[in-house]
Structure formats: structure tokens, C-alpha cells
Amino acid sequence: MKQECSDCGVGFNCSSDQENKTCWCIAFPAIMPAEFEQNCRCPSCLAKAMADKIELAIQTQTLDEMLALARQYRGQTGLLEHVDYTIEAPDYVFSKWYHLKRGSCCGNGCRNCPY
């Protein structure tokens, strides 16, 4: 179904299934409440909003709480721009969320290491 993003106005395809309560956005971490009655955001705007919510959660919750939340997403395939990484041409910069999903520090002195 064709939708218009409630944030930026761009058109995008929404694959929501009201009956089964599923959508493409299910790949995003369960940080924000989702309700089918709310206005949809395009993938890019939703990812940016998610990144903001994750950053707030990291600031207000303990490392153990965030690790428990992130653990659910360790097996997730594919990375989400703005959630797992940003691009600072030509480099990919992994987010704190990405590192939390890894579950431990790699010892490389990463900019966004939460450990």
C-alpha cells in the first residue's frame, strides 16, 4: 500500500498486514511503541527516530539493561542505516546499538563503543 511519510512527506510502500500485525518495520528494534493507528514514517525517517530513541535509552538505562535489550537482535541479518551505522564518506561508522548487539568490546577503540 502506498503511504506518505508523516515526517518528510516522501512516498513509500508500506507492507503492513493489519490481520497479522506485521510490517517491514518489524526489523527495527522494539524501542518505540508501534500502533497501527499511528501515521507511518518512511524507512529513513523511522530509522532516524529509532536512533534517537536508542540514544536516549542508552543515556537513561544501565549497560546491563541495554545489553539485555540488544541481545534479542544479535542474530538479525542486515544492518539498518542510522540505527546500526551511519556513513561518513567513505567510511561506515558503527553505532553504540551495533556494538551492544555484538555483546562485547572488540578492543579496537571504536568511536561509539559503549563498554
N, C-alpha and C. Protein backbone atom coordinates (compact mmCIF):
# COMPACT_ATOMS: atom_id res chain seq x y z
N MET A 1 0.84 -1.16 0.00
CA MET A 1 0.00 0.00 0.00
C MET A 1 0.90 1.24 0.00
N LYS A 2 0.57 2.20 -0.82
CA LYS A 2 1.35 3.43 -0.92
C LYS A 2 1.01 4.34 0.25
N GLN A 3 2.05 4.85 0.91
CA GLN A 3 1.90 5.74 2.06
C GLN A 3 2.70 7.01 1.81
N GLU A 4 2.41 8.02 2.59
CA GLU A 4 3.21 9.24 2.60
C GLU A 4 3.77 9.40 4.01
N CYS A 5 5.08 9.61 4.09
CA CYS A 5 5.75 9.73 5.39
C CYS A 5 5.19 10.92 6.16
N SER A 6 4.83 10.70 7.41
CA SER A 6 4.28 11.77 8.23
C SER A 6 5.35 12.78 8.65
N ASP A 7 6.64 12.44 8.48
CA ASP A 7 7.72 13.38 8.82
C ASP A 7 8.20 14.18 7.63
N CYS A 8 8.57 13.50 6.54
CA CYS A 8 9.20 14.19 5.41
C CYS A 8 8.30 14.31 4.19
N GLY A 9 7.19 13.58 4.15
CA GLY A 9 6.26 13.67 3.04
C GLY A 9 6.58 12.81 1.83
N VAL A 10 7.70 12.09 1.86
CA VAL A 10 8.07 11.25 0.73
C VAL A 10 7.13 10.04 0.66
N GLY A 11 6.85 9.58 -0.55
CA GLY A 11 6.03 8.39 -0.73
C GLY A 11 6.85 7.13 -0.57
N PHE A 12 6.24 6.11 0.00
CA PHE A 12 6.92 4.82 0.15
C PHE A 12 5.87 3.72 0.20
N ASN A 13 6.31 2.50 -0.02
CA ASN A 13 5.41 1.36 0.03
C ASN A 13 5.39 0.76 1.42
N CYS A 14 4.21 0.64 1.96
CA CYS A 14 4.02 0.04 3.27
C CYS A 14 3.45 -1.36 3.03
N SER A 15 4.01 -2.33 3.71
CA SER A 15 3.53 -3.70 3.54
C SER A 15 2.83 -4.19 4.80
N SER A 16 2.17 -3.26 5.49
CA SER A 16 1.52 -3.66 6.74
C SER A 16 0.40 -4.64 6.48
N ASP A 17 0.27 -5.55 7.40
CA ASP A 17 -0.77 -6.58 7.36
C ASP A 17 -1.56 -6.44 8.65
N GLN A 18 -2.69 -5.75 8.57
CA GLN A 18 -3.49 -5.48 9.75
C GLN A 18 -3.89 -6.76 10.47
N GLU A 19 -4.22 -7.79 9.72
CA GLU A 19 -4.69 -9.04 10.32
C GLU A 19 -3.60 -9.72 11.13
N ASN A 20 -2.38 -9.80 10.55
CA ASN A 20 -1.28 -10.47 11.24
C ASN A 20 -0.40 -9.52 12.04
N LYS A 21 -0.71 -8.24 11.99
CA LYS A 21 0.03 -7.20 12.72
C LYS A 21 1.53 -7.25 12.41
N THR A 22 1.85 -7.32 11.13
CA THR A 22 3.24 -7.31 10.70
C THR A 22 3.47 -6.20 9.69
N CYS A 23 4.71 -5.81 9.54
CA CYS A 23 5.09 -4.76 8.60
C CYS A 23 6.60 -4.87 8.36
N TRP A 24 7.10 -4.20 7.33
CA TRP A 24 8.54 -4.19 7.08
C TRP A 24 9.29 -3.61 8.27
N CYS A 25 8.64 -2.74 9.02
CA CYS A 25 9.31 -2.07 10.13
C CYS A 25 9.56 -3.00 11.32
N ILE A 26 9.10 -4.24 11.25
CA ILE A 26 9.32 -5.19 12.33
C ILE A 26 10.82 -5.49 12.50
N ALA A 27 11.62 -5.20 11.47
CA ALA A 27 13.06 -5.42 11.55
C ALA A 27 13.74 -4.43 12.50
N PHE A 28 13.04 -3.34 12.83
CA PHE A 28 13.60 -2.34 13.73
C PHE A 28 13.51 -2.81 15.17
N PRO A 29 14.44 -2.38 16.03
CA PRO A 29 14.38 -2.76 17.44
C PRO A 29 13.10 -2.25 18.10
N ALA A 30 12.61 -2.98 19.06
CA ALA A 30 11.37 -2.62 19.75
C ALA A 30 11.66 -1.58 20.82
N ILE A 31 11.99 -0.39 20.38
CA ILE A 31 12.31 0.72 21.27
C ILE A 31 11.14 1.69 21.37
N MET A 32 10.42 1.83 20.27
CA MET A 32 9.29 2.75 20.21
C MET A 32 8.00 1.96 20.16
N PRO A 33 6.96 2.43 20.82
CA PRO A 33 5.68 1.73 20.69
C PRO A 33 5.15 1.86 19.27
N ALA A 34 4.61 0.80 18.76
CA ALA A 34 4.03 0.82 17.41
C ALA A 34 2.56 0.52 17.48
N GLU A 35 1.79 1.34 16.85
CA GLU A 35 0.35 1.14 16.80
C GLU A 35 -0.09 1.32 15.36
N PHE A 36 -0.98 0.48 14.91
CA PHE A 36 -1.41 0.55 13.52
C PHE A 36 -2.21 1.81 13.23
N GLU A 37 -2.72 2.47 14.26
CA GLU A 37 -3.50 3.68 14.04
C GLU A 37 -2.60 4.90 13.81
N GLN A 38 -1.32 4.82 14.16
CA GLN A 38 -0.45 5.97 14.02
C GLN A 38 -0.03 6.17 12.57
N ASN A 39 0.43 7.37 12.27
CA ASN A 39 0.91 7.67 10.93
C ASN A 39 2.25 6.97 10.71
N CYS A 40 2.44 6.48 9.51
CA CYS A 40 3.68 5.77 9.19
C CYS A 40 4.77 6.75 8.80
N ARG A 41 6.00 6.31 9.02
CA ARG A 41 7.18 7.04 8.57
C ARG A 41 7.87 6.20 7.51
N CYS A 42 8.58 6.87 6.62
CA CYS A 42 9.36 6.16 5.61
C CYS A 42 10.52 5.47 6.33
N PRO A 43 11.16 4.50 5.70
CA PRO A 43 12.26 3.79 6.36
C PRO A 43 13.36 4.71 6.89
N SER A 44 13.70 5.74 6.16
CA SER A 44 14.77 6.63 6.60
C SER A 44 14.36 7.44 7.83
N CYS A 45 13.17 8.01 7.82
CA CYS A 45 12.71 8.80 8.97
C CYS A 45 12.49 7.91 10.19
N LEU A 46 11.97 6.71 9.98
CA LEU A 46 11.78 5.80 11.11
C LEU A 46 13.14 5.41 11.70
N ALA A 47 14.12 5.16 10.85
CA ALA A 47 15.46 4.79 11.33
C ALA A 47 16.07 5.93 12.14
N LYS A 48 15.90 7.16 11.68
CA LYS A 48 16.44 8.31 12.42
C LYS A 48 15.73 8.47 13.77
N ALA A 49 14.42 8.31 13.79
CA ALA A 49 13.67 8.40 15.04
C ALA A 49 14.08 7.28 16.00
N MET A 50 14.28 6.08 15.45
CA MET A 50 14.73 4.95 16.25
C MET A 50 16.10 5.22 16.85
N ALA A 51 17.00 5.76 16.05
CA ALA A 51 18.35 6.06 16.53
C ALA A 51 18.29 7.04 17.70
N ASP A 52 17.42 8.03 17.61
CA ASP A 52 17.26 8.99 18.70
C ASP A 52 16.74 8.31 19.96
N LYS A 53 15.76 7.41 19.80
CA LYS A 53 15.19 6.70 20.95
C LYS A 53 16.22 5.77 21.58
N ILE A 54 17.02 5.12 20.74
CA ILE A 54 18.06 4.22 21.25
C ILE A 54 19.10 5.03 22.04
N GLU A 55 19.50 6.17 21.50
CA GLU A 55 20.48 7.01 22.18
C GLU A 55 19.94 7.46 23.53
N LEU A 56 18.68 7.84 23.59
CA LEU A 56 18.06 8.23 24.86
C LEU A 56 18.04 7.05 25.84
N ALA A 57 17.71 5.87 25.33
CA ALA A 57 17.69 4.67 26.18
C ALA A 57 19.09 4.37 26.72
N ILE A 58 20.09 4.54 25.89
CA ILE A 58 21.47 4.29 26.33
C ILE A 58 21.87 5.26 27.44
N GLN A 59 21.38 6.49 27.34
CA GLN A 59 21.71 7.50 28.35
C GLN A 59 20.96 7.29 29.66
N THR A 60 19.79 6.65 29.60
CA THR A 60 18.96 6.54 30.80
C THR A 60 18.91 5.15 31.41
N GLN A 61 19.41 4.14 30.70
CA GLN A 61 19.38 2.78 31.22
C GLN A 61 20.80 2.30 31.48
N THR A 62 20.90 1.26 32.26
CA THR A 62 22.23 0.71 32.55
C THR A 62 22.74 -0.09 31.36
N LEU A 63 24.02 -0.32 31.37
CA LEU A 63 24.63 -1.13 30.32
C LEU A 63 24.01 -2.52 30.30
N ASP A 64 23.78 -3.11 31.45
CA ASP A 64 23.18 -4.44 31.51
C ASP A 64 21.77 -4.45 30.92
N GLU A 65 20.99 -3.40 31.18
CA GLU A 65 19.64 -3.32 30.61
C GLU A 65 19.70 -3.21 29.09
N MET A 66 20.63 -2.41 28.59
CA MET A 66 20.75 -2.25 27.14
C MET A 66 21.27 -3.53 26.48
N LEU A 67 22.19 -4.20 27.15
CA LEU A 67 22.69 -5.47 26.61
C LEU A 67 21.57 -6.50 26.53
N ALA A 68 20.71 -6.53 27.53
CA ALA A 68 19.57 -7.46 27.51
C ALA A 68 18.63 -7.14 26.36
N LEU A 69 18.38 -5.87 26.12
CA LEU A 69 17.52 -5.48 25.00
C LEU A 69 18.17 -5.82 23.66
N ALA A 70 19.45 -5.50 23.53
CA ALA A 70 20.17 -5.73 22.27
C ALA A 70 20.36 -7.21 21.96
N ARG A 71 20.44 -8.03 22.99
CA ARG A 71 20.68 -9.47 22.81
C ARG A 71 19.64 -10.10 21.87
N GLN A 72 18.42 -9.61 21.94
CA GLN A 72 17.35 -10.14 21.09
C GLN A 72 17.62 -9.97 19.60
N TYR A 73 18.48 -9.02 19.25
CA TYR A 73 18.70 -8.67 17.85
C TYR A 73 20.05 -9.14 17.32
N ARG A 74 20.79 -9.93 18.09
CA ARG A 74 22.13 -10.37 17.65
C ARG A 74 22.09 -11.21 16.39
N GLY A 75 21.09 -12.03 16.23
CA GLY A 75 21.01 -12.89 15.06
C GLY A 75 20.39 -12.22 13.84
N GLN A 76 20.00 -10.97 13.99
CA GLN A 76 19.34 -10.25 12.90
C GLN A 76 20.30 -10.08 11.73
N THR A 77 19.82 -10.42 10.56
CA THR A 77 20.64 -10.23 9.37
C THR A 77 20.36 -8.86 8.78
N GLY A 78 21.34 -8.29 8.18
CA GLY A 78 21.20 -6.98 7.58
C GLY A 78 21.34 -5.88 8.60
N LEU A 79 21.95 -4.79 8.19
CA LEU A 79 22.15 -3.65 9.05
C LEU A 79 21.23 -2.52 8.61
N LEU A 80 20.78 -1.73 9.56
CA LEU A 80 19.89 -0.61 9.28
C LEU A 80 20.66 0.69 9.38
N GLU A 81 20.68 1.44 8.27
CA GLU A 81 21.35 2.74 8.29
C GLU A 81 20.67 3.64 9.32
N HIS A 82 21.44 4.42 10.02
CA HIS A 82 21.04 5.32 11.10
C HIS A 82 20.82 4.57 12.41
N VAL A 83 20.50 3.30 12.38
CA VAL A 83 20.31 2.52 13.60
C VAL A 83 21.60 1.77 13.93
N ASP A 84 22.12 1.00 12.98
CA ASP A 84 23.34 0.23 13.19
C ASP A 84 24.60 0.98 12.76
N TYR A 85 24.46 1.89 11.84
CA TYR A 85 25.63 2.61 11.32
C TYR A 85 25.18 3.92 10.67
N THR A 86 26.15 4.81 10.48
CA THR A 86 25.97 5.99 9.64
C THR A 86 27.12 5.99 8.65
N ILE A 87 26.97 6.75 7.61
CA ILE A 87 28.02 6.84 6.61
C ILE A 87 28.65 8.22 6.70
N GLU A 88 29.94 8.22 6.96
CA GLU A 88 30.73 9.44 6.90
C GLU A 88 31.75 9.19 5.79
N ALA A 89 31.34 9.56 4.59
CA ALA A 89 32.06 9.20 3.36
C ALA A 89 33.56 9.28 3.54
N PRO A 90 34.24 8.26 3.18
CA PRO A 90 33.77 7.00 2.60
C PRO A 90 33.55 5.90 3.65
N ASP A 91 33.55 6.26 4.92
CA ASP A 91 33.54 5.25 5.98
C ASP A 91 32.15 4.97 6.54
N TYR A 92 31.98 3.75 7.00
CA TYR A 92 30.81 3.37 7.79
C TYR A 92 31.21 3.51 9.25
N VAL A 93 30.39 4.17 10.04
CA VAL A 93 30.65 4.33 11.46
C VAL A 93 29.57 3.55 12.21
N PHE A 94 29.99 2.51 12.92
CA PHE A 94 29.02 1.69 13.64
C PHE A 94 28.54 2.41 14.89
N SER A 95 27.27 2.24 15.19
CA SER A 95 26.62 2.92 16.32
C SER A 95 26.84 2.17 17.63
N LYS A 96 26.49 2.81 18.72
CA LYS A 96 26.53 2.15 20.02
C LYS A 96 25.61 0.93 20.00
N TRP A 97 24.45 1.09 19.35
CA TRP A 97 23.50 -0.01 19.27
C TRP A 97 24.13 -1.22 18.58
N TYR A 98 24.84 -1.01 17.48
CA TYR A 98 25.51 -2.10 16.78
C TYR A 98 26.48 -2.81 17.73
N HIS A 99 27.26 -2.03 18.47
CA HIS A 99 28.23 -2.62 19.39
C HIS A 99 27.54 -3.37 20.53
N LEU A 100 26.42 -2.84 21.00
CA LEU A 100 25.66 -3.55 22.03
C LEU A 100 25.15 -4.89 21.50
N LYS A 101 24.71 -4.92 20.24
CA LYS A 101 24.25 -6.18 19.66
C LYS A 101 25.39 -7.18 19.56
N ARG A 102 26.61 -6.70 19.34
CA ARG A 102 27.78 -7.60 19.29
C ARG A 102 27.97 -8.30 20.62
N GLY A 103 27.72 -7.57 21.71
CA GLY A 103 27.77 -8.18 23.03
C GLY A 103 29.06 -8.01 23.80
N SER A 104 30.10 -7.49 23.15
CA SER A 104 31.36 -7.28 23.86
C SER A 104 32.22 -6.30 23.07
N CYS A 105 33.21 -5.76 23.75
CA CYS A 105 34.14 -4.83 23.12
C CYS A 105 35.14 -5.61 22.26
N CYS A 106 35.42 -5.09 21.07
CA CYS A 106 36.38 -5.76 20.18
C CYS A 106 37.81 -5.32 20.44
N GLY A 107 37.98 -4.27 21.25
CA GLY A 107 39.32 -3.81 21.60
C GLY A 107 39.98 -2.91 20.58
N ASN A 108 39.21 -2.46 19.57
CA ASN A 108 39.78 -1.61 18.52
C ASN A 108 39.64 -0.12 18.81
N GLY A 109 39.12 0.26 19.95
CA GLY A 109 38.97 1.68 20.27
C GLY A 109 37.92 2.38 19.42
N CYS A 110 36.83 1.70 19.13
CA CYS A 110 35.79 2.26 18.27
C CYS A 110 35.19 3.52 18.88
N ARG A 111 34.88 4.48 18.05
CA ARG A 111 34.34 5.77 18.48
C ARG A 111 33.09 5.63 19.33
N ASN A 112 32.20 4.74 18.97
CA ASN A 112 30.91 4.60 19.66
C ASN A 112 30.85 3.39 20.59
N CYS A 113 31.99 2.94 21.06
CA CYS A 113 32.00 1.78 21.95
C CYS A 113 31.29 2.13 23.26
N PRO A 114 30.26 1.37 23.62
CA PRO A 114 29.53 1.65 24.86
C PRO A 114 30.12 0.95 26.09
N TYR A 115 31.19 0.17 25.90
CA TYR A 115 31.72 -0.63 27.00
C TYR A 115 32.79 0.11 27.78
